[in-house]
Amino acid sequence: MLIQQLVNGLTLGAVYTLIALSFSLVMGILGVLNLAIAELFMLGGYFGFAVVLA
């Protein structure tokens, strides 16, 4: 149980890190925070959830 929670925490932390990194890259290049990239993360979450359920 502890190992599973540790893996879950590391996975969620990695996802948060990737989202923050993409936002900072877009902000650094464009100079404007483009929140439309959140659609891609949402679609990725839906597709990932569908794969887990299948």
PDB file of N, CA and C in Angstrom:
ATOM      1  N   MET A   1       0.837  -1.195   0.000  1.00  0.00           N
ATOM      2  CA  MET A   1       0.000   0.000   0.000  1.00  0.00           C
ATOM      3  C   MET A   1       0.881   1.258   0.000  1.00  0.00           C
ATOM      4  N   LEU A   2       1.922   1.259   0.811  1.00  0.00           N
ATOM      5  CA  LEU A   2       2.814   2.410   0.871  1.00  0.00           C
ATOM      6  C   LEU A   2       3.557   2.596  -0.446  1.00  0.00           C
ATOM      7  N   ILE A   3       3.978   1.498  -1.043  1.00  0.00           N
ATOM      8  CA  ILE A   3       4.686   1.574  -2.322  1.00  0.00           C
ATOM      9  C   ILE A   3       3.765   2.158  -3.397  1.00  0.00           C
ATOM     10  N   GLN A   4       2.506   1.728  -3.420  1.00  0.00           N
ATOM     11  CA  GLN A   4       1.558   2.231  -4.417  1.00  0.00           C
ATOM     12  C   GLN A   4       1.313   3.723  -4.235  1.00  0.00           C
ATOM     13  N   GLN A   5       1.190   4.181  -2.998  1.00  0.00           N
ATOM     14  CA  GLN A   5       0.993   5.611  -2.750  1.00  0.00           C
ATOM     15  C   GLN A   5       2.226   6.408  -3.149  1.00  0.00           C
ATOM     16  N   LEU A   6       3.402   5.833  -2.930  1.00  0.00           N
ATOM     17  CA  LEU A   6       4.635   6.490  -3.333  1.00  0.00           C
ATOM     18  C   LEU A   6       4.703   6.634  -4.853  1.00  0.00           C
ATOM     19  N   VAL A   7       4.337   5.576  -5.565  1.00  0.00           N
ATOM     20  CA  VAL A   7       4.317   5.626  -7.033  1.00  0.00           C
ATOM     21  C   VAL A   7       3.274   6.626  -7.512  1.00  0.00           C
ATOM     22  N   ASN A   8       2.100   6.635  -6.894  1.00  0.00           N
ATOM     23  CA  ASN A   8       1.055   7.600  -7.270  1.00  0.00           C
ATOM     24  C   ASN A   8       1.532   9.036  -7.063  1.00  0.00           C
ATOM     25  N   GLY A   9       2.177   9.291  -5.940  1.00  0.00           N
ATOM     26  CA  GLY A   9       2.677  10.631  -5.645  1.00  0.00           C
ATOM     27  C   GLY A   9       3.755  11.066  -6.624  1.00  0.00           C
ATOM     28  N   LEU A  10       4.662  10.172  -6.949  1.00  0.00           N
ATOM     29  CA  LEU A  10       5.712  10.506  -7.910  1.00  0.00           C
ATOM     30  C   LEU A  10       5.138  10.746  -9.305  1.00  0.00           C
ATOM     31  N   THR A  11       4.154   9.951  -9.691  1.00  0.00           N
ATOM     32  CA  THR A  11       3.527  10.133 -10.995  1.00  0.00           C
ATOM     33  C   THR A  11       2.804  11.471 -11.080  1.00  0.00           C
ATOM     34  N   LEU A  12       2.039  11.796 -10.051  1.00  0.00           N
ATOM     35  CA  LEU A  12       1.317  13.073 -10.039  1.00  0.00           C
ATOM     36  C   LEU A  12       2.291  14.245 -10.016  1.00  0.00           C
ATOM     37  N   GLY A  13       3.352  14.116  -9.260  1.00  0.00           N
ATOM     38  CA  GLY A  13       4.369  15.164  -9.228  1.00  0.00           C
ATOM     39  C   GLY A  13       5.034  15.353 -10.575  1.00  0.00           C
ATOM     40  N   ALA A  14       5.277  14.248 -11.283  1.00  0.00           N
ATOM     41  CA  ALA A  14       5.871  14.349 -12.619  1.00  0.00           C
ATOM     42  C   ALA A  14       4.928  15.037 -13.592  1.00  0.00           C
ATOM     43  N   VAL A  15       3.640  14.753 -13.487  1.00  0.00           N
ATOM     44  CA  VAL A  15       2.661  15.421 -14.362  1.00  0.00           C
ATOM     45  C   VAL A  15       2.616  16.910 -14.065  1.00  0.00           C
ATOM     46  N   TYR A  16       2.599  17.284 -12.780  1.00  0.00           N
ATOM     47  CA  TYR A  16       2.601  18.702 -12.419  1.00  0.00           C
ATOM     48  C   TYR A  16       3.866  19.387 -12.928  1.00  0.00           C
ATOM     49  N   THR A  17       4.992  18.692 -12.845  1.00  0.00           N
ATOM     50  CA  THR A  17       6.250  19.261 -13.311  1.00  0.00           C
ATOM     51  C   THR A  17       6.227  19.485 -14.815  1.00  0.00           C
ATOM     52  N   LEU A  18       5.699  18.524 -15.573  1.00  0.00           N
ATOM     53  CA  LEU A  18       5.621  18.682 -17.018  1.00  0.00           C
ATOM     54  C   LEU A  18       4.698  19.837 -17.416  1.00  0.00           C
ATOM     55  N   ILE A  19       3.592  19.981 -16.710  1.00  0.00           N
ATOM     56  CA  ILE A  19       2.672  21.086 -16.999  1.00  0.00           C
ATOM     57  C   ILE A  19       3.337  22.424 -16.704  1.00  0.00           C
ATOM     58  N   ALA A  20       4.012  22.522 -15.559  1.00  0.00           N
ATOM     59  CA  ALA A  20       4.691  23.773 -15.207  1.00  0.00           C
ATOM     60  C   ALA A  20       5.818  24.075 -16.179  1.00  0.00           C
ATOM     61  N   LEU A  21       6.531  23.051 -16.613  1.00  0.00           N
ATOM     62  CA  LEU A  21       7.616  23.255 -17.566  1.00  0.00           C
ATOM     63  C   LEU A  21       7.091  23.739 -18.913  1.00  0.00           C
ATOM     64  N   SER A  22       5.988  23.168 -19.358  1.00  0.00           N
ATOM     65  CA  SER A  22       5.430  23.610 -20.644  1.00  0.00           C
ATOM     66  C   SER A  22       4.925  25.048 -20.551  1.00  0.00           C
ATOM     67  N   PHE A  23       4.281  25.399 -19.436  1.00  0.00           N
ATOM     68  CA  PHE A  23       3.828  26.779 -19.274  1.00  0.00           C
ATOM     69  C   PHE A  23       5.010  27.743 -19.247  1.00  0.00           C
ATOM     70  N   SER A  24       6.095  27.366 -18.565  1.00  0.00           N
ATOM     71  CA  SER A  24       7.244  28.270 -18.486  1.00  0.00           C
ATOM     72  C   SER A  24       7.947  28.388 -19.834  1.00  0.00           C
ATOM     73  N   LEU A  25       7.981  27.310 -20.621  1.00  0.00           N
ATOM     74  CA  LEU A  25       8.581  27.396 -21.953  1.00  0.00           C
ATOM     75  C   LEU A  25       7.765  28.298 -22.865  1.00  0.00           C
ATOM     76  N   VAL A  26       6.442  28.144 -22.836  1.00  0.00           N
ATOM     77  CA  VAL A  26       5.579  28.993 -23.656  1.00  0.00           C
ATOM     78  C   VAL A  26       5.706  30.446 -23.212  1.00  0.00           C
ATOM     79  N   MET A  27       5.747  30.675 -21.916  1.00  0.00           N
ATOM     80  CA  MET A  27       5.869  32.041 -21.395  1.00  0.00           C
ATOM     81  C   MET A  27       7.207  32.644 -21.786  1.00  0.00           C
ATOM     82  N   GLY A  28       8.274  31.851 -21.747  1.00  0.00           N
ATOM     83  CA  GLY A  28       9.600  32.354 -22.090  1.00  0.00           C
ATOM     84  C   GLY A  28       9.737  32.678 -23.565  1.00  0.00           C
ATOM     85  N   ILE A  29       9.113  31.883 -24.417  1.00  0.00           N
ATOM     86  CA  ILE A  29       9.247  32.098 -25.855  1.00  0.00           C
ATOM     87  C   ILE A  29       8.313  33.203 -26.337  1.00  0.00           C
ATOM     88  N   LEU A  30       7.057  33.131 -25.955  1.00  0.00           N
ATOM     89  CA  LEU A  30       6.076  34.087 -26.457  1.00  0.00           C
ATOM     90  C   LEU A  30       5.978  35.357 -25.612  1.00  0.00           C
ATOM     91  N   GLY A  31       6.291  35.245 -24.340  1.00  0.00           N
ATOM     92  CA  GLY A  31       6.118  36.384 -23.449  1.00  0.00           C
ATOM     93  C   GLY A  31       4.690  36.549 -22.980  1.00  0.00           C
ATOM     94  N   VAL A  32       3.807  35.649 -23.408  1.00  0.00           N
ATOM     95  CA  VAL A  32       2.403  35.678 -23.017  1.00  0.00           C
ATOM     96  C   VAL A  32       2.030  34.273 -22.560  1.00  0.00           C
ATOM     97  N   LEU A  33       1.318  34.171 -21.470  1.00  0.00           N
ATOM     98  CA  LEU A  33       0.903  32.864 -20.974  1.00  0.00           C
ATOM     99  C   LEU A  33      -0.281  32.380 -21.791  1.00  0.00           C
ATOM    100  N   ASN A  34      -0.075  31.322 -22.535  1.00  0.00           N
ATOM    101  CA  ASN A  34      -1.105  30.761 -23.393  1.00  0.00           C
ATOM    102  C   ASN A  34      -1.770  29.598 -22.658  1.00  0.00           C
ATOM    103  N   LEU A  35      -2.980  29.799 -22.192  1.00  0.00           N
ATOM    104  CA  LEU A  35      -3.670  28.766 -21.430  1.00  0.00           C
ATOM    105  C   LEU A  35      -4.395  27.771 -22.316  1.00  0.00           C
ATOM    106  N   ALA A  36      -4.334  27.944 -23.630  1.00  0.00           N
ATOM    107  CA  ALA A  36      -4.972  26.994 -24.532  1.00  0.00           C
ATOM    108  C   ALA A  36      -4.266  25.647 -24.507  1.00  0.00           C
ATOM    109  N   ILE A  37      -3.034  25.617 -24.023  1.00  0.00           N
ATOM    110  CA  ILE A  37      -2.301  24.360 -23.943  1.00  0.00           C
ATOM    111  C   ILE A  37      -2.947  23.417 -22.914  1.00  0.00           C
ATOM    112  N   ALA A  38      -3.759  23.969 -22.032  1.00  0.00           N
ATOM    113  CA  ALA A  38      -4.442  23.143 -21.033  1.00  0.00           C
ATOM    114  C   ALA A  38      -5.405  22.171 -21.698  1.00  0.00           C
ATOM    115  N   GLU A  39      -5.890  22.507 -22.892  1.00  0.00           N
ATOM    116  CA  GLU A  39      -6.762  21.582 -23.623  1.00  0.00           C
ATOM    117  C   GLU A  39      -6.029  20.286 -23.941  1.00  0.00           C
ATOM    118  N   LEU A  40      -4.764  20.398 -24.290  1.00  0.00           N
ATOM    119  CA  LEU A  40      -3.983  19.203 -24.606  1.00  0.00           C
ATOM    120  C   LEU A  40      -3.814  18.314 -23.378  1.00  0.00           C
ATOM    121  N   PHE A  41      -3.600  18.932 -22.229  1.00  0.00           N
ATOM    122  CA  PHE A  41      -3.472  18.143 -21.012  1.00  0.00           C
ATOM    123  C   PHE A  41      -4.796  17.475 -20.656  1.00  0.00           C
ATOM    124  N   MET A  42      -5.901  18.181 -20.883  1.00  0.00           N
ATOM    125  CA  MET A  42      -7.213  17.608 -20.608  1.00  0.00           C
ATOM    126  C   MET A  42      -7.483  16.423 -21.523  1.00  0.00           C
ATOM    127  N   LEU A  43      -7.186  16.578 -22.806  1.00  0.00           N
ATOM    128  CA  LEU A  43      -7.381  15.472 -23.742  1.00  0.00           C
ATOM    129  C   LEU A  43      -6.481  14.290 -23.392  1.00  0.00           C
ATOM    130  N   GLY A  44      -5.253  14.584 -23.003  1.00  0.00           N
ATOM    131  CA  GLY A  44      -4.348  13.518 -22.587  1.00  0.00           C
ATOM    132  C   GLY A  44      -4.871  12.763 -21.375  1.00  0.00           C
ATOM    133  N   GLY A  45      -5.476  13.516 -20.439  1.00  0.00           N
ATOM    134  CA  GLY A  45      -6.067  12.874 -19.267  1.00  0.00           C
ATOM    135  C   GLY A  45      -7.238  11.976 -19.626  1.00  0.00           C
ATOM    136  N   TYR A  46      -8.087  12.454 -20.530  1.00  0.00           N
ATOM    137  CA  TYR A  46      -9.221  11.641 -20.969  1.00  0.00           C
ATOM    138  C   TYR A  46      -8.755  10.387 -21.689  1.00  0.00           C
ATOM    139  N   PHE A  47      -7.787  10.535 -22.587  1.00  0.00           N
ATOM    140  CA  PHE A  47      -7.288   9.366 -23.321  1.00  0.00           C
ATOM    141  C   PHE A  47      -6.606   8.381 -22.384  1.00  0.00           C
ATOM    142  N   GLY A  48      -5.838   8.912 -21.422  1.00  0.00           N
ATOM    143  CA  GLY A  48      -5.194   8.042 -20.455  1.00  0.00           C
ATOM    144  C   GLY A  48      -6.205   7.290 -19.601  1.00  0.00           C
ATOM    145  N   PHE A  49      -7.249   7.976 -19.197  1.00  0.00           N
ATOM    146  CA  PHE A  49      -8.287   7.341 -18.397  1.00  0.00           C
ATOM    147  C   PHE A  49      -8.998   6.244 -19.197  1.00  0.00           C
ATOM    148  N   ALA A  50      -9.248   6.515 -20.479  1.00  0.00           N
ATOM    149  CA  ALA A  50      -9.894   5.521 -21.342  1.00  0.00           C
ATOM    150  C   ALA A  50      -8.987   4.297 -21.521  1.00  0.00           C
ATOM    151  N   VAL A  51      -7.692   4.514 -21.614  1.00  0.00           N
ATOM    152  CA  VAL A  51      -6.771   3.390 -21.767  1.00  0.00           C
ATOM    153  C   VAL A  51      -6.725   2.550 -20.490  1.00  0.00           C
ATOM    154  N   VAL A  52      -6.755   3.212 -19.344  1.00  0.00           N
ATOM    155  CA  VAL A  52      -6.726   2.477 -18.075  1.00  0.00           C
ATOM    156  C   VAL A  52      -7.991   1.641 -17.910  1.00  0.00           C
ATOM    157  N   LEU A  53      -9.136   2.187 -18.316  1.00  0.00           N
ATOM    158  CA  LEU A  53     -10.392   1.450 -18.172  1.00  0.00           C
ATOM    159  C   LEU A  53     -10.529   0.299 -19.174  1.00  0.00           C
ATOM    160  N   ALA A  54      -9.856   0.410 -20.310  1.00  0.00           N
ATOM    161  CA  ALA A  54      -9.979  -0.629 -21.345  1.00  0.00           C
ATOM    162  C   ALA A  54      -9.174  -1.867 -21.027  1.00  0.00           C
TER     163      ALA A  54
END
